[in-house]
Amino acid sequence: MTILLVRLRLIGDVVFTTPIIGALRRHYPTARLLYLVEDAAAPVVSAHPDLSSVIVIRHSRGAARLRDDVRLAVQLRRERVDMAIDLHGGPRSAFLTWATRAPVRVGYDVPGRSWMYTRVVHRPRTYQPRHAVENQWDLLAAVDPALAAPPDRTRDRTRMAVPADVMAETLATLAARGVTADDRLVVLHVSAGNAFRRWPEASFAEVAATLASAPHACTVLITAGPSDREAAARVLAAARTMAGAEAARIVDAEHLSLWALRAVCDRAALFIGGDSGPLHIASTSDVPIVAIYGPTLPERSEPWRPSSIPTANVDGGPLPCRPCDQRVCAPGDFRCLTQVTASAVTDAAVRLFGAAR
């Protein structure tokens, strides 16, 4: 039996599908399990031990996408897929699911696309206070009623595997940056792919300087996505200025691949970041996490892992405009982010240091 999972993007959304990979492998231990994903998020699943193969496509547009999808449709037909599960629900993923011609095609009852599936699952059109993992898990009931039991945060936690050579290379890179085995390492991720989730740079800098200074004396590793390297440089410079004599404790990670970021989390004592793909990559490890929320709510996207692993969700409190669709800031001042203070994040970090002892 060949089963295809389709989840094209984004990084965090792909992370949230990994519990389903494990559930399907347990239920169909001998199945050939394939995963279709766009290149930016491919590292999340490309080394997953429960997958037989990962099909990686580029995120293209216009005529290029049409050409890519025609070629891909031919490839998918050759895979002789028995069951295709669209975990994405977008126009492209629906078409590619349909293009497999699998006898069983599972997806959401999205207007204009439901006909592409043989089995559909209702997806509410209004906000529901449920985690993204639980929302996607609903699709499993259409696969087999035996899979309908709710996901468990321990058995069905999010996972991301990293090749052993990447782990070794990452530890060597940290050593080259001056990070020793005795350092209390804090990973501070200063960017988010969505501009509506970016906490102010000055706040990140204040947190970095505070944690690097006495009495905490942490080594703070500044990380950022490729498009946010300039922001990371500004945070690094400001934090070092504020830290004074302890400036050397604030380290620039420079460019880290997604695999390397995941490897760093296994070495770190704490991860701090906004609701973004890197946060959810961190959540696949056992590192304590301080998660900063602005327009989104923890109930939808907090780390999905055992409650025994220390985690603190920090936000600016209830607002009439929160959560929002992240297309335009109604008040115009991003207050959901600016009301999250640096001291609130630092206090949460200190609490987690105590909880992890």
Protein backbone atom coordinates (compact mmCIF):
# COMPACT_ATOMS: atom_id res chain seq x y z
CA MET A 1 0.00 0.00 0.00
CA THR A 2 1.29 3.47 -0.91
CA ILE A 3 0.10 6.51 1.06
CA LEU A 4 0.92 10.09 0.06
CA LEU A 5 0.77 13.01 2.51
CA VAL A 6 0.57 16.50 0.99
CA ARG A 7 1.54 19.55 3.04
CA LEU A 8 3.36 22.13 0.97
CA ARG A 9 4.24 24.84 3.50
CA LEU A 10 4.94 26.61 5.88
CA ILE A 11 7.70 25.32 8.18
CA GLY A 12 5.59 25.35 11.34
CA ASP A 13 2.61 23.85 9.54
CA VAL A 14 4.77 20.98 8.28
CA VAL A 15 6.04 20.42 11.84
CA PHE A 16 2.43 20.14 12.98
CA THR A 17 1.83 17.26 10.54
CA THR A 18 4.54 15.05 12.01
CA PRO A 19 2.25 13.46 14.63
CA ILE A 20 0.14 12.19 11.71
CA ILE A 21 3.20 10.59 10.13
CA GLY A 22 3.78 8.56 13.28
CA ALA A 23 0.12 7.59 13.59
CA LEU A 24 -0.02 6.33 10.01
CA ARG A 25 3.19 4.36 10.41
CA ARG A 26 1.84 2.64 13.52
CA HIS A 27 -1.46 1.87 11.80
CA TYR A 28 0.07 0.80 8.49
CA PRO A 29 3.48 -0.62 9.49
CA THR A 30 4.30 -2.05 6.05
CA ALA A 31 2.95 0.81 3.94
CA ARG A 32 5.07 2.88 1.60
CA LEU A 33 4.63 6.32 3.13
CA LEU A 34 5.43 9.33 0.91
CA TYR A 35 5.41 13.06 1.74
CA LEU A 36 5.05 15.92 -0.76
CA VAL A 37 6.47 19.25 0.46
CA GLU A 38 7.89 22.49 -0.91
CA ASP A 39 11.65 23.00 -0.70
CA ALA A 40 11.70 25.62 2.07
CA ALA A 41 10.11 23.25 4.59
CA ALA A 42 11.59 19.99 3.27
CA PRO A 43 14.27 19.61 6.00
CA VAL A 44 11.52 19.19 8.59
CA VAL A 45 10.55 15.80 7.16
CA SER A 46 13.39 14.76 4.84
CA ALA A 47 15.13 12.66 7.53
CA HIS A 48 11.96 11.42 9.26
CA PRO A 49 12.46 7.71 10.03
CA ASP A 50 8.80 6.82 9.43
CA LEU A 51 8.76 8.11 5.86
CA SER A 52 9.71 5.95 2.90
CA SER A 53 10.39 8.88 0.59
CA VAL A 54 10.03 12.67 0.44
CA ILE A 55 9.07 14.42 -2.81
CA VAL A 56 10.36 18.00 -2.82
CA ILE A 57 8.95 20.66 -5.14
CA ARG A 58 9.79 24.32 -5.51
CA HIS A 59 7.48 27.17 -4.55
CA SER A 60 6.85 28.56 -8.03
CA ARG A 61 4.24 30.88 -9.54
CA GLY A 62 2.52 31.55 -12.84
CA ALA A 63 3.64 29.64 -15.91
CA ALA A 64 6.54 28.07 -14.00
CA ARG A 65 4.12 26.55 -11.49
CA LEU A 66 1.93 25.20 -14.27
CA ARG A 67 4.92 23.49 -15.89
CA ASP A 68 6.11 22.15 -12.53
CA ASP A 69 2.70 20.79 -11.62
CA VAL A 70 2.15 19.06 -14.96
CA ARG A 71 5.49 17.28 -14.59
CA LEU A 72 4.73 16.45 -10.98
CA ALA A 73 1.29 15.07 -11.85
CA VAL A 74 2.94 12.61 -14.23
CA GLN A 75 5.42 11.60 -11.51
CA LEU A 76 2.67 11.12 -8.95
CA ARG A 77 0.71 8.89 -11.30
CA ARG A 78 3.79 6.70 -11.62
CA GLU A 79 3.95 6.31 -7.84
CA ARG A 80 0.67 4.35 -7.99
CA VAL A 81 -0.66 5.97 -4.82
CA ASP A 82 -3.47 4.07 -3.08
CA MET A 83 -4.38 6.85 -0.65
CA ALA A 84 -3.58 10.57 -0.80
CA ILE A 85 -4.21 12.83 2.19
CA ASP A 86 -4.23 16.59 1.63
CA LEU A 87 -3.14 18.14 4.93
CA HIS A 88 -2.88 21.58 3.33
CA GLY A 89 -6.24 22.33 1.74
CA GLY A 90 -5.02 24.92 -0.76
CA PRO A 91 -5.69 25.01 -4.52
CA ARG A 92 -2.29 23.57 -5.45
CA SER A 93 -2.33 20.79 -2.88
CA ALA A 94 -5.89 19.85 -3.84
CA PHE A 95 -4.94 19.61 -7.52
CA LEU A 96 -1.87 17.50 -6.78
CA THR A 97 -3.90 15.21 -4.53
CA TRP A 98 -6.45 14.78 -7.31
CA ALA A 99 -3.68 14.26 -9.88
CA THR A 100 -2.50 11.11 -8.10
CA ARG A 101 -5.73 9.41 -9.20
CA ALA A 102 -5.54 7.51 -5.91
CA PRO A 103 -8.71 5.49 -5.20
CA VAL A 104 -8.89 7.21 -1.79
CA ARG A 105 -8.27 10.96 -1.63
CA VAL A 106 -8.89 12.70 1.71
CA GLY A 107 -9.23 16.45 2.20
CA TYR A 108 -11.26 19.30 3.67
CA ASP A 109 -14.68 20.38 2.40
CA VAL A 110 -13.37 23.64 0.95
CA PRO A 111 -15.78 25.27 -1.53
CA GLY A 112 -14.71 24.68 -5.12
CA ARG A 113 -12.23 21.95 -4.23
CA SER A 114 -14.19 19.22 -2.44
CA TRP A 115 -14.84 17.40 -5.72
CA MET A 116 -11.14 16.58 -5.96
CA TYR A 117 -11.43 14.26 -2.96
CA THR A 118 -13.29 11.00 -2.43
CA ARG A 119 -13.65 11.61 1.31
CA VAL A 120 -14.05 15.03 2.88
CA VAL A 121 -13.80 16.34 6.42
CA HIS A 122 -15.60 19.47 7.59
CA ARG A 123 -13.37 22.43 8.40
CA PRO A 124 -15.12 25.27 10.28
CA ARG A 125 -15.05 28.64 8.52
CA THR A 126 -14.86 30.56 11.80
CA TYR A 127 -12.19 30.65 14.49
CA GLN A 128 -12.06 27.55 16.68
CA PRO A 129 -9.97 27.35 19.88
CA ARG A 130 -8.25 24.13 18.82
CA HIS A 131 -4.63 23.36 18.16
CA ALA A 132 -3.47 23.01 14.56
CA VAL A 133 -2.36 19.44 15.30
CA GLU A 134 -5.90 18.55 16.39
CA ASN A 135 -7.43 20.24 13.35
CA GLN A 136 -5.29 18.23 10.94
CA TRP A 137 -5.78 15.07 13.00
CA ASP A 138 -9.48 15.19 12.06
CA LEU A 139 -8.51 13.97 8.60
CA LEU A 140 -7.42 10.63 10.05
CA ALA A 141 -11.02 9.75 10.94
CA ALA A 142 -11.75 9.74 7.21
CA VAL A 143 -8.79 7.43 6.63
CA ASP A 144 -9.93 4.85 9.17
CA PRO A 145 -12.34 5.32 12.12
CA ALA A 146 -9.81 3.43 14.25
CA LEU A 147 -7.56 6.51 13.98
CA ALA A 148 -10.20 8.93 15.27
CA ALA A 149 -9.04 8.98 18.92
CA PRO A 150 -7.61 12.43 19.83
CA PRO A 151 -3.84 12.90 19.58
CA ASP A 152 -1.75 12.54 22.71
CA ARG A 153 0.96 15.14 23.39
CA THR A 154 3.43 12.46 24.50
CA ARG A 155 2.84 9.63 22.04
CA ASP A 156 1.94 12.00 19.19
CA ARG A 157 4.37 14.86 19.83
CA THR A 158 5.93 16.76 16.94
CA ARG A 159 9.23 15.35 15.71
CA MET A 160 12.12 16.34 13.47
CA ALA A 161 15.09 14.07 12.83
CA VAL A 162 18.59 15.39 12.14
CA PRO A 163 21.38 13.36 10.50
CA ALA A 164 24.24 12.52 12.88
CA ASP A 165 26.82 14.33 10.76
CA VAL A 166 24.81 17.56 10.98
CA MET A 167 24.78 17.31 14.77
CA ALA A 168 28.57 16.90 14.85
CA GLU A 169 29.12 19.77 12.42
CA THR A 170 26.83 22.05 14.43
CA LEU A 171 28.65 21.37 17.70
CA ALA A 172 31.93 22.15 15.93
CA THR A 173 30.45 25.40 14.61
CA LEU A 174 29.37 26.43 18.12
CA ALA A 175 32.86 25.72 19.42
CA ALA A 176 34.32 27.89 16.66
CA ARG A 177 32.01 30.71 17.80
CA GLY A 178 33.46 30.36 21.30
CA VAL A 179 30.56 28.41 22.85
CA THR A 180 31.91 25.87 25.34
CA ALA A 181 30.29 22.76 26.80
CA ASP A 182 29.96 24.53 30.16
CA ASP A 183 28.04 27.52 28.82
CA ARG A 184 24.35 27.93 29.59
CA LEU A 185 23.25 28.44 26.00
CA VAL A 186 20.15 30.47 25.15
CA VAL A 187 18.95 30.53 21.55
CA LEU A 188 17.25 33.85 20.76
CA HIS A 189 15.48 33.77 17.40
CA VAL A 190 14.77 37.35 16.39
CA SER A 191 12.72 36.89 13.24
CA ALA A 192 9.43 35.50 12.02
CA GLY A 193 8.46 34.85 8.42
CA ASN A 194 5.29 36.84 8.99
CA ALA A 195 5.88 40.55 9.66
CA PHE A 196 2.80 40.62 11.90
CA ARG A 197 4.57 38.33 14.38
CA ARG A 198 7.85 40.22 14.72
CA TRP A 199 8.56 41.35 18.25
CA PRO A 200 10.44 44.70 18.40
CA GLU A 201 14.19 44.49 17.88
CA ALA A 202 14.84 46.65 20.94
CA SER A 203 12.98 44.14 23.11
CA PHE A 204 15.04 41.24 21.76
CA ALA A 205 18.22 43.20 22.44
CA GLU A 206 17.18 43.96 26.02
CA VAL A 207 16.44 40.29 26.70
CA ALA A 208 19.79 39.22 25.24
CA ALA A 209 21.72 41.77 27.31
CA THR A 210 19.89 40.90 30.52
CA LEU A 211 20.44 37.15 30.18
CA ALA A 212 24.10 37.61 29.24
CA SER A 213 24.76 39.74 32.32
CA ALA A 214 25.01 38.80 35.99
CA PRO A 215 23.48 36.99 37.72
CA HIS A 216 22.34 34.90 34.73
CA ALA A 217 25.63 34.86 32.78
CA CYS A 218 24.16 32.99 29.81
CA THR A 219 25.70 32.65 26.38
CA VAL A 220 23.06 34.05 24.03
CA LEU A 221 23.10 32.80 20.44
CA ILE A 222 21.32 35.21 18.07
CA THR A 223 19.63 33.39 15.18
CA ALA A 224 17.48 34.65 12.31
CA GLY A 225 16.06 33.57 9.00
CA PRO A 226 17.86 34.44 5.74
CA SER A 227 15.66 37.49 5.12
CA ASP A 228 16.22 38.84 8.63
CA ARG A 229 20.00 38.88 8.85
CA GLU A 230 20.08 42.68 8.94
CA ALA A 231 17.61 42.71 11.82
CA ALA A 232 19.73 40.14 13.65
CA ALA A 233 22.81 42.30 13.17
CA ARG A 234 21.03 45.30 14.67
CA VAL A 235 19.84 43.24 17.65
CA LEU A 236 23.35 41.87 18.14
CA ALA A 237 24.94 45.34 18.11
CA ALA A 238 22.37 46.85 20.46
CA ALA A 239 22.52 43.92 22.87
CA ARG A 240 26.30 44.00 23.04
CA THR A 241 26.24 47.73 23.76
CA MET A 242 23.76 47.20 26.60
CA ALA A 243 25.69 44.22 27.98
CA GLY A 244 28.93 46.18 28.31
CA ALA A 245 31.63 43.97 29.82
CA GLU A 246 29.56 40.85 29.09
CA ALA A 247 29.15 41.65 25.39
CA ALA A 248 31.25 38.64 24.36
CA ARG A 249 28.55 36.35 25.75
CA ILE A 250 26.22 37.45 22.93
CA VAL A 251 27.11 35.44 19.84
CA ASP A 252 26.03 35.73 16.21
CA ALA A 253 24.95 32.34 14.86
CA GLU A 254 25.28 33.69 11.31
CA HIS A 255 23.53 31.34 8.89
CA LEU A 256 22.09 28.14 10.35
CA SER A 257 20.24 25.60 8.24
CA LEU A 258 16.98 24.24 9.65
CA TRP A 259 18.77 21.01 10.51
CA ALA A 260 21.54 22.95 12.28
CA LEU A 261 18.98 24.99 14.22
CA ARG A 262 17.32 21.77 15.37
CA ALA A 263 20.72 20.39 16.40
CA VAL A 264 21.51 23.54 18.39
CA CYS A 265 18.27 23.08 20.33
CA ASP A 266 19.53 19.75 21.65
CA ARG A 267 22.52 21.59 23.11
CA ALA A 268 20.65 24.66 24.40
CA ALA A 269 19.29 25.35 27.87
CA LEU A 270 16.53 27.61 26.52
CA PHE A 271 14.92 28.78 23.26
CA ILE A 272 13.19 32.16 22.99
CA GLY A 273 11.26 33.21 19.90
CA GLY A 274 8.00 34.30 18.35
CA ASP A 275 5.31 32.10 16.85
CA SER A 276 7.26 30.95 13.79
CA GLY A 277 8.73 27.93 12.06
CA PRO A 278 11.96 27.97 14.11
CA LEU A 279 9.93 27.98 17.35
CA HIS A 280 8.12 24.86 16.20
CA ILE A 281 11.38 23.25 15.13
CA ALA A 282 12.63 23.91 18.67
CA SER A 283 9.49 22.28 20.05
CA THR A 284 10.49 18.97 18.44
CA SER A 285 13.35 18.86 20.97
CA ASP A 286 13.21 18.85 24.76
CA VAL A 287 14.64 22.36 25.13
CA PRO A 288 12.61 24.64 27.44
CA ILE A 289 10.86 27.32 25.39
CA VAL A 290 9.66 30.88 25.95
CA ALA A 291 7.18 31.49 23.12
CA ILE A 292 6.14 35.06 22.31
CA TYR A 293 2.64 35.52 20.88
CA GLY A 294 1.20 38.59 19.19
CA PRO A 295 -1.74 38.23 16.77
CA THR A 296 -1.93 34.45 17.23
CA LEU A 297 -3.04 32.47 20.26
CA PRO A 298 -1.14 29.69 22.07
CA GLU A 299 -4.22 27.48 22.01
CA ARG A 300 -3.78 27.20 18.24
CA SER A 301 -0.02 27.01 17.88
CA GLU A 302 1.81 26.42 21.15
CA PRO A 303 4.53 23.73 21.21
CA TRP A 304 2.83 20.33 20.84
CA ARG A 305 4.84 18.10 23.15
CA PRO A 306 4.61 16.58 26.64
CA SER A 307 3.49 19.01 29.34
CA SER A 308 6.42 17.86 31.47
CA ILE A 309 8.82 19.83 29.24
CA PRO A 310 9.06 23.41 30.58
CA THR A 311 7.31 25.89 28.30
CA ALA A 312 6.12 29.46 28.88
CA ASN A 313 3.74 31.26 26.53
CA VAL A 314 4.02 35.04 26.84
CA ASP A 315 1.61 37.56 25.32
CA GLY A 316 0.37 41.08 25.90
CA GLY A 317 -3.02 40.05 27.22
CA PRO A 318 -6.50 40.07 25.67
CA LEU A 319 -7.28 42.55 22.90
CA PRO A 320 -10.52 42.98 20.94
CA CYS A 321 -8.60 42.57 17.66
CA ARG A 322 -6.76 39.40 18.71
CA PRO A 323 -6.52 36.94 17.05
CA CYS A 324 -6.51 38.57 13.63
CA ASP A 325 -6.06 37.53 10.01
CA GLN A 326 -2.57 39.13 9.89
CA ARG A 327 -3.31 41.11 6.74
CA VAL A 328 -3.69 44.56 8.26
CA CYS A 329 -3.22 45.81 11.83
CA ALA A 330 -6.60 47.32 12.75
CA PRO A 331 -5.27 49.60 15.54
CA GLY A 332 -2.24 50.35 13.35
CA ASP A 333 0.37 50.06 16.10
CA PHE A 334 0.93 46.30 16.50
CA ARG A 335 0.00 46.60 20.16
CA CYS A 336 -0.36 42.83 20.51
CA LEU A 337 3.44 42.70 20.15
CA THR A 338 4.54 45.99 21.68
CA GLN A 339 2.58 45.22 24.87
CA VAL A 340 4.77 42.15 25.43
CA THR A 341 7.57 43.58 27.56
CA ALA A 342 11.18 42.46 27.61
CA SER A 343 10.94 41.99 31.38
CA ALA A 344 7.99 39.60 30.95
CA VAL A 345 10.05 37.45 28.60
CA THR A 346 13.14 37.60 30.82
CA ASP A 347 11.08 36.68 33.90
CA ALA A 348 9.63 33.70 32.03
CA ALA A 349 13.13 32.61 31.04
CA VAL A 350 14.33 32.75 34.64
CA ARG A 351 11.33 30.72 35.79
CA LEU A 352 12.11 28.05 33.22
CA PHE A 353 15.74 27.91 34.30
CA GLY A 354 14.45 27.03 37.76
CA ALA A 355 11.92 24.50 36.45
CA ALA A 356 14.57 22.71 34.40
CA ARG A 357 16.87 22.05 37.34
